[in-house]
Amino acid sequence: MFIASIFRPSAPRKPPKYSDKRRWFEILAVFITGALKYLFMDWLELRAFYIISACLIWMVYILRRFQAEKQILTDWGFQKDGFTTTLLFSAPVGLLIIPGLFFTDISKNMSWNIIPVMALYPFWGSFSNL
């Protein structure tokens, strides 16, 4: 029963109605963000500047979209359905794997920024309806 509840499909929703201009703007903005990563982080070595700027710009954009359209987060795939189930299912696995990485040879080649990624990934996945 517990495992079956993890894989239950979410309720069907009507597709959001947004203009093609906005969609192309968002796709272009994501592409530009990725391109600027190579400029600022790889060539100019301004890592902190790029990361802080990109995070702030995207957070402001998401908050403004949310204020204008309360349904936008659900349309983007963020939802509360299954959060508790996913957390109960993934937390024990994460609590075993993450400390185990530090006692293996993997930790010698591992960058520190993998830790926040591993910590936040289950939360991102639990809000996604894909």
N, C-alpha and C. Protein backbone atom coordinates (compact mmCIF):
# COMPACT_ATOMS: atom_id res chain seq x y z
N MET A 1 0.83 -1.20 0.00
CA MET A 1 0.00 0.00 0.00
C MET A 1 0.87 1.26 0.00
N PHE A 2 1.91 1.26 0.82
CA PHE A 2 2.79 2.43 0.90
C PHE A 2 3.48 2.67 -0.44
N ILE A 3 4.03 1.61 -1.04
CA ILE A 3 4.73 1.75 -2.31
C ILE A 3 3.74 2.16 -3.40
N ALA A 4 2.55 1.62 -3.39
CA ALA A 4 1.55 1.97 -4.41
C ALA A 4 1.18 3.44 -4.33
N SER A 5 1.16 3.99 -3.12
CA SER A 5 0.80 5.41 -2.99
C SER A 5 1.88 6.32 -3.54
N ILE A 6 3.11 5.84 -3.62
CA ILE A 6 4.19 6.65 -4.16
C ILE A 6 4.02 6.85 -5.66
N PHE A 7 3.56 5.82 -6.34
CA PHE A 7 3.50 5.85 -7.78
C PHE A 7 2.12 6.18 -8.34
N ARG A 8 1.22 6.66 -7.50
CA ARG A 8 -0.12 6.99 -8.02
C ARG A 8 -0.03 8.24 -8.89
N PRO A 9 -0.77 8.25 -9.99
CA PRO A 9 -0.72 9.43 -10.86
C PRO A 9 -1.46 10.59 -10.23
N SER A 10 -1.00 11.79 -10.53
CA SER A 10 -1.67 12.98 -10.01
C SER A 10 -2.92 13.25 -10.83
N ALA A 11 -3.83 14.03 -10.27
CA ALA A 11 -5.09 14.34 -10.94
C ALA A 11 -4.81 15.15 -12.20
N PRO A 12 -5.53 14.85 -13.28
CA PRO A 12 -5.31 15.61 -14.51
C PRO A 12 -5.74 17.06 -14.34
N ARG A 13 -4.99 17.95 -14.97
CA ARG A 13 -5.30 19.37 -14.90
C ARG A 13 -5.46 19.92 -16.30
N LYS A 14 -6.19 21.02 -16.38
CA LYS A 14 -6.29 21.69 -17.66
C LYS A 14 -4.95 22.35 -17.96
N PRO A 15 -4.52 22.32 -19.22
CA PRO A 15 -3.24 22.96 -19.53
C PRO A 15 -3.32 24.47 -19.33
N PRO A 16 -2.24 25.06 -18.84
CA PRO A 16 -2.25 26.51 -18.62
C PRO A 16 -2.31 27.26 -19.95
N LYS A 17 -2.90 28.43 -19.91
CA LYS A 17 -3.01 29.25 -21.11
C LYS A 17 -2.10 30.46 -20.97
N TYR A 18 -0.92 30.35 -21.55
CA TYR A 18 0.04 31.44 -21.54
C TYR A 18 0.41 31.74 -22.98
N SER A 19 0.80 32.96 -23.21
CA SER A 19 1.13 33.36 -24.57
C SER A 19 2.43 32.72 -25.02
N ASP A 20 2.55 32.55 -26.33
CA ASP A 20 3.77 32.01 -26.88
C ASP A 20 4.94 32.96 -26.67
N LYS A 21 4.66 34.27 -26.63
CA LYS A 21 5.74 35.24 -26.38
C LYS A 21 6.38 34.99 -25.01
N ARG A 22 5.53 34.78 -24.01
CA ARG A 22 6.07 34.54 -22.66
C ARG A 22 6.85 33.24 -22.62
N ARG A 23 6.34 32.22 -23.26
CA ARG A 23 7.04 30.93 -23.28
C ARG A 23 8.41 31.07 -23.93
N TRP A 24 8.47 31.75 -25.08
CA TRP A 24 9.74 31.92 -25.76
C TRP A 24 10.68 32.81 -24.96
N PHE A 25 10.11 33.81 -24.26
CA PHE A 25 10.94 34.65 -23.40
C PHE A 25 11.58 33.81 -22.30
N GLU A 26 10.80 32.93 -21.68
CA GLU A 26 11.34 32.09 -20.60
C GLU A 26 12.39 31.12 -21.13
N ILE A 27 12.16 30.52 -22.28
CA ILE A 27 13.14 29.62 -22.87
C ILE A 27 14.42 30.37 -23.18
N LEU A 28 14.28 31.56 -23.77
CA LEU A 28 15.45 32.37 -24.08
C LEU A 28 16.20 32.79 -22.81
N ALA A 29 15.46 33.13 -21.76
CA ALA A 29 16.09 33.52 -20.49
C ALA A 29 16.87 32.37 -19.89
N VAL A 30 16.34 31.16 -19.96
CA VAL A 30 17.07 29.99 -19.46
C VAL A 30 18.32 29.77 -20.30
N PHE A 31 18.21 29.88 -21.61
CA PHE A 31 19.36 29.72 -22.49
C PHE A 31 20.44 30.76 -22.19
N ILE A 32 20.03 32.01 -22.00
CA ILE A 32 20.98 33.09 -21.68
C ILE A 32 21.65 32.84 -20.34
N THR A 33 20.87 32.37 -19.37
CA THR A 33 21.45 32.05 -18.06
C THR A 33 22.54 30.99 -18.20
N GLY A 34 22.28 29.97 -19.00
CA GLY A 34 23.29 28.94 -19.23
C GLY A 34 24.50 29.46 -19.97
N ALA A 35 24.27 30.31 -20.97
CA ALA A 35 25.40 30.87 -21.72
C ALA A 35 26.25 31.78 -20.85
N LEU A 36 25.60 32.56 -19.99
CA LEU A 36 26.34 33.45 -19.10
C LEU A 36 27.16 32.67 -18.07
N LYS A 37 26.75 31.45 -17.79
CA LYS A 37 27.53 30.61 -16.87
C LYS A 37 28.93 30.41 -17.44
N TYR A 38 29.00 30.12 -18.73
CA TYR A 38 30.31 29.91 -19.34
C TYR A 38 31.13 31.18 -19.35
N LEU A 39 30.49 32.31 -19.57
CA LEU A 39 31.21 33.58 -19.59
C LEU A 39 31.73 33.95 -18.20
N PHE A 40 30.83 33.99 -17.21
CA PHE A 40 31.21 34.47 -15.88
C PHE A 40 31.98 33.45 -15.05
N MET A 41 31.57 32.19 -15.11
CA MET A 41 32.21 31.20 -14.24
C MET A 41 33.46 30.59 -14.87
N ASP A 42 33.41 30.28 -16.15
CA ASP A 42 34.53 29.57 -16.77
C ASP A 42 35.60 30.51 -17.31
N TRP A 43 35.21 31.60 -17.95
CA TRP A 43 36.20 32.48 -18.55
C TRP A 43 36.66 33.59 -17.61
N LEU A 44 35.69 34.27 -16.98
CA LEU A 44 36.04 35.41 -16.12
C LEU A 44 36.28 35.00 -14.67
N GLU A 45 35.94 33.78 -14.31
CA GLU A 45 36.09 33.24 -12.96
C GLU A 45 35.42 34.11 -11.90
N LEU A 46 34.24 34.59 -12.21
CA LEU A 46 33.42 35.36 -11.27
C LEU A 46 32.28 34.48 -10.77
N ARG A 47 32.62 33.40 -10.13
CA ARG A 47 31.64 32.40 -9.73
C ARG A 47 30.61 32.96 -8.75
N ALA A 48 31.05 33.57 -7.69
CA ALA A 48 30.11 34.08 -6.68
C ALA A 48 29.18 35.14 -7.28
N PHE A 49 29.73 36.03 -8.07
CA PHE A 49 28.91 37.06 -8.71
C PHE A 49 27.82 36.43 -9.57
N TYR A 50 28.20 35.45 -10.39
CA TYR A 50 27.23 34.81 -11.29
C TYR A 50 26.15 34.07 -10.50
N ILE A 51 26.57 33.27 -9.54
CA ILE A 51 25.61 32.45 -8.79
C ILE A 51 24.63 33.33 -8.04
N ILE A 52 25.13 34.33 -7.34
CA ILE A 52 24.25 35.22 -6.57
C ILE A 52 23.32 35.99 -7.51
N SER A 53 23.86 36.52 -8.60
CA SER A 53 23.05 37.29 -9.54
C SER A 53 21.97 36.43 -10.19
N ALA A 54 22.36 35.26 -10.67
CA ALA A 54 21.39 34.38 -11.33
C ALA A 54 20.29 33.96 -10.37
N CYS A 55 20.67 33.60 -9.15
CA CYS A 55 19.67 33.20 -8.16
C CYS A 55 18.71 34.34 -7.83
N LEU A 56 19.25 35.52 -7.60
CA LEU A 56 18.40 36.66 -7.27
C LEU A 56 17.46 37.02 -8.42
N ILE A 57 17.99 37.06 -9.64
CA ILE A 57 17.15 37.41 -10.80
C ILE A 57 16.03 36.39 -10.99
N TRP A 58 16.35 35.11 -10.90
CA TRP A 58 15.31 34.10 -11.08
C TRP A 58 14.32 34.09 -9.92
N MET A 59 14.78 34.32 -8.70
CA MET A 59 13.85 34.37 -7.57
C MET A 59 12.88 35.54 -7.71
N VAL A 60 13.39 36.70 -8.12
CA VAL A 60 12.51 37.86 -8.33
C VAL A 60 11.50 37.55 -9.43
N TYR A 61 11.95 36.94 -10.53
CA TYR A 61 11.04 36.61 -11.62
C TYR A 61 9.94 35.64 -11.16
N ILE A 62 10.34 34.60 -10.44
CA ILE A 62 9.37 33.61 -9.97
C ILE A 62 8.39 34.25 -8.99
N LEU A 63 8.87 35.07 -8.07
CA LEU A 63 7.98 35.73 -7.11
C LEU A 63 7.00 36.67 -7.80
N ARG A 64 7.47 37.41 -8.79
CA ARG A 64 6.56 38.30 -9.53
C ARG A 64 5.51 37.52 -10.31
N ARG A 65 5.93 36.44 -10.92
CA ARG A 65 4.95 35.61 -11.64
C ARG A 65 3.94 35.01 -10.67
N PHE A 66 4.42 34.60 -9.49
CA PHE A 66 3.52 34.03 -8.49
C PHE A 66 2.53 35.08 -7.97
N GLN A 67 2.99 36.30 -7.77
CA GLN A 67 2.09 37.36 -7.31
C GLN A 67 1.03 37.68 -8.35
N ALA A 68 1.39 37.62 -9.61
CA ALA A 68 0.45 37.93 -10.68
C ALA A 68 -0.49 36.76 -10.95
N GLU A 69 0.01 35.54 -10.86
CA GLU A 69 -0.77 34.34 -11.17
C GLU A 69 -0.51 33.29 -10.10
N LYS A 70 -1.43 33.14 -9.17
CA LYS A 70 -1.22 32.24 -8.03
C LYS A 70 -1.09 30.78 -8.46
N GLN A 71 -1.60 30.42 -9.61
CA GLN A 71 -1.57 29.03 -10.07
C GLN A 71 -0.26 28.66 -10.77
N ILE A 72 0.61 29.61 -10.99
CA ILE A 72 1.79 29.39 -11.82
C ILE A 72 2.72 28.31 -11.26
N LEU A 73 2.88 28.23 -9.96
CA LEU A 73 3.77 27.21 -9.39
C LEU A 73 3.24 25.81 -9.65
N THR A 74 1.94 25.64 -9.57
CA THR A 74 1.35 24.34 -9.89
C THR A 74 1.52 24.03 -11.36
N ASP A 75 1.37 25.03 -12.22
CA ASP A 75 1.55 24.83 -13.65
C ASP A 75 2.99 24.46 -13.97
N TRP A 76 3.93 24.95 -13.21
CA TRP A 76 5.35 24.63 -13.41
C TRP A 76 5.73 23.29 -12.80
N GLY A 77 4.81 22.65 -12.08
CA GLY A 77 5.07 21.32 -11.54
C GLY A 77 5.29 21.26 -10.05
N PHE A 78 5.24 22.39 -9.35
CA PHE A 78 5.40 22.38 -7.90
C PHE A 78 4.05 22.07 -7.27
N GLN A 79 4.01 21.04 -6.44
CA GLN A 79 2.76 20.67 -5.78
C GLN A 79 3.07 20.00 -4.45
N LYS A 80 2.07 19.96 -3.60
CA LYS A 80 2.25 19.38 -2.27
C LYS A 80 1.86 17.91 -2.22
N ASP A 81 1.16 17.43 -3.24
CA ASP A 81 0.72 16.03 -3.25
C ASP A 81 1.91 15.10 -3.18
N GLY A 82 1.91 14.20 -2.23
CA GLY A 82 2.94 13.20 -2.13
C GLY A 82 4.22 13.66 -1.45
N PHE A 83 4.26 14.88 -0.93
CA PHE A 83 5.49 15.38 -0.32
C PHE A 83 5.88 14.53 0.89
N THR A 84 4.94 14.28 1.78
CA THR A 84 5.23 13.50 2.99
C THR A 84 5.67 12.09 2.63
N THR A 85 4.99 11.48 1.68
CA THR A 85 5.34 10.13 1.27
C THR A 85 6.74 10.09 0.69
N THR A 86 7.04 11.06 -0.16
CA THR A 86 8.37 11.10 -0.77
C THR A 86 9.44 11.34 0.27
N LEU A 87 9.18 12.24 1.21
CA LEU A 87 10.14 12.52 2.26
C LEU A 87 10.39 11.28 3.12
N LEU A 88 9.33 10.58 3.49
CA LEU A 88 9.49 9.37 4.30
C LEU A 88 10.22 8.27 3.54
N PHE A 89 10.06 8.24 2.23
CA PHE A 89 10.70 7.23 1.42
C PHE A 89 12.17 7.55 1.14
N SER A 90 12.48 8.83 0.91
CA SER A 90 13.84 9.19 0.50
C SER A 90 14.77 9.58 1.65
N ALA A 91 14.24 10.02 2.77
CA ALA A 91 15.09 10.46 3.88
C ALA A 91 15.99 9.34 4.42
N PRO A 92 15.47 8.14 4.68
CA PRO A 92 16.36 7.09 5.18
C PRO A 92 17.47 6.74 4.19
N VAL A 93 17.14 6.73 2.91
CA VAL A 93 18.14 6.43 1.90
C VAL A 93 19.22 7.50 1.90
N GLY A 94 18.81 8.75 1.93
CA GLY A 94 19.78 9.85 1.95
C GLY A 94 20.63 9.86 3.19
N LEU A 95 20.03 9.54 4.31
CA LEU A 95 20.78 9.53 5.57
C LEU A 95 21.83 8.41 5.59
N LEU A 96 21.64 7.40 4.80
CA LEU A 96 22.64 6.33 4.70
C LEU A 96 23.70 6.63 3.64
N ILE A 97 23.27 7.18 2.52
CA ILE A 97 24.20 7.37 1.39
C ILE A 97 25.14 8.55 1.62
N ILE A 98 24.64 9.68 2.06
CA ILE A 98 25.48 10.88 2.18
C ILE A 98 26.65 10.67 3.13
N PRO A 99 26.44 10.17 4.34
CA PRO A 99 27.62 9.93 5.19
C PRO A 99 28.55 8.86 4.62
N GLY A 100 27.98 7.89 3.91
CA GLY A 100 28.79 6.85 3.31
C GLY A 100 29.75 7.37 2.26
N LEU A 101 29.38 8.44 1.59
CA LEU A 101 30.25 9.03 0.57
C LEU A 101 31.54 9.57 1.17
N PHE A 102 31.48 10.04 2.40
CA PHE A 102 32.65 10.63 3.02
C PHE A 102 33.67 9.58 3.48
N PHE A 103 33.25 8.33 3.57
CA PHE A 103 34.15 7.27 4.00
C PHE A 103 34.65 6.43 2.83
N THR A 104 34.40 6.89 1.62
CA THR A 104 34.85 6.16 0.44
C THR A 104 35.84 7.01 -0.36
N ASP A 105 36.37 6.44 -1.40
CA ASP A 105 37.30 7.16 -2.27
C ASP A 105 36.59 8.23 -3.09
N ILE A 106 35.29 8.14 -3.20
CA ILE A 106 34.54 9.14 -3.97
C ILE A 106 34.73 10.53 -3.37
N SER A 107 34.83 10.60 -2.05
CA SER A 107 34.92 11.91 -1.40
C SER A 107 36.21 12.66 -1.75
N LYS A 108 37.24 11.95 -2.19
CA LYS A 108 38.49 12.63 -2.56
C LYS A 108 38.31 13.48 -3.82
N ASN A 109 37.46 13.05 -4.73
CA ASN A 109 37.22 13.76 -5.99
C ASN A 109 35.93 14.56 -5.99
N MET A 110 35.24 14.59 -4.86
CA MET A 110 33.93 15.22 -4.80
C MET A 110 34.06 16.70 -4.44
N SER A 111 33.30 17.53 -5.11
CA SER A 111 33.26 18.94 -4.82
C SER A 111 32.23 19.19 -3.72
N TRP A 112 32.43 20.23 -2.94
CA TRP A 112 31.52 20.52 -1.82
C TRP A 112 30.12 20.85 -2.31
N ASN A 113 29.96 21.38 -3.52
CA ASN A 113 28.63 21.81 -3.94
C ASN A 113 27.72 20.65 -4.33
N ILE A 114 28.18 19.43 -4.29
CA ILE A 114 27.30 18.29 -4.52
C ILE A 114 26.38 18.06 -3.32
N ILE A 115 26.81 18.48 -2.14
CA ILE A 115 26.03 18.26 -0.93
C ILE A 115 24.69 19.01 -0.96
N PRO A 116 24.66 20.33 -1.27
CA PRO A 116 23.35 20.97 -1.37
C PRO A 116 22.48 20.39 -2.50
N VAL A 117 23.12 19.98 -3.58
CA VAL A 117 22.35 19.38 -4.68
C VAL A 117 21.69 18.10 -4.21
N MET A 118 22.45 17.25 -3.52
CA MET A 118 21.88 15.99 -3.04
C MET A 118 20.81 16.24 -1.97
N ALA A 119 20.98 17.29 -1.19
CA ALA A 119 20.01 17.58 -0.14
C ALA A 119 18.71 18.16 -0.73
N LEU A 120 18.82 18.98 -1.76
CA LEU A 120 17.65 19.64 -2.32
C LEU A 120 16.96 18.83 -3.42
N TYR A 121 17.64 17.91 -4.04
CA TYR A 121 17.06 17.17 -5.16
C TYR A 121 15.78 16.43 -4.79
N PRO A 122 15.71 15.72 -3.66
CA PRO A 122 14.45 15.03 -3.33
C PRO A 122 13.29 16.01 -3.14
N PHE A 123 13.57 17.19 -2.60
CA PHE A 123 12.50 18.16 -2.43
C PHE A 123 12.01 18.66 -3.78
N TRP A 124 12.93 18.92 -4.70
CA TRP A 124 12.55 19.35 -6.05
C TRP A 124 11.73 18.26 -6.72
N GLY A 125 12.19 17.02 -6.62
CA GLY A 125 11.49 15.91 -7.24
C GLY A 125 10.13 15.65 -6.64
N SER A 126 10.00 15.93 -5.33
CA SER A 126 8.71 15.68 -4.70
C SER A 126 7.66 16.70 -5.11
N PHE A 127 8.11 17.88 -5.56
CA PHE A 127 7.16 18.90 -5.99
C PHE A 127 6.88 18.81 -7.48
N SER A 128 7.60 17.99 -8.17
CA SER A 128 7.42 17.88 -9.62
C SER A 128 6.35 16.85 -9.92
N ASN A 129 5.53 17.12 -10.89
CA ASN A 129 4.49 16.15 -11.25
C ASN A 129 4.84 15.41 -12.53
N LEU A 130 6.10 15.42 -12.90
CA LEU A 130 6.50 14.72 -14.13
C LEU A 130 6.66 13.25 -13.89
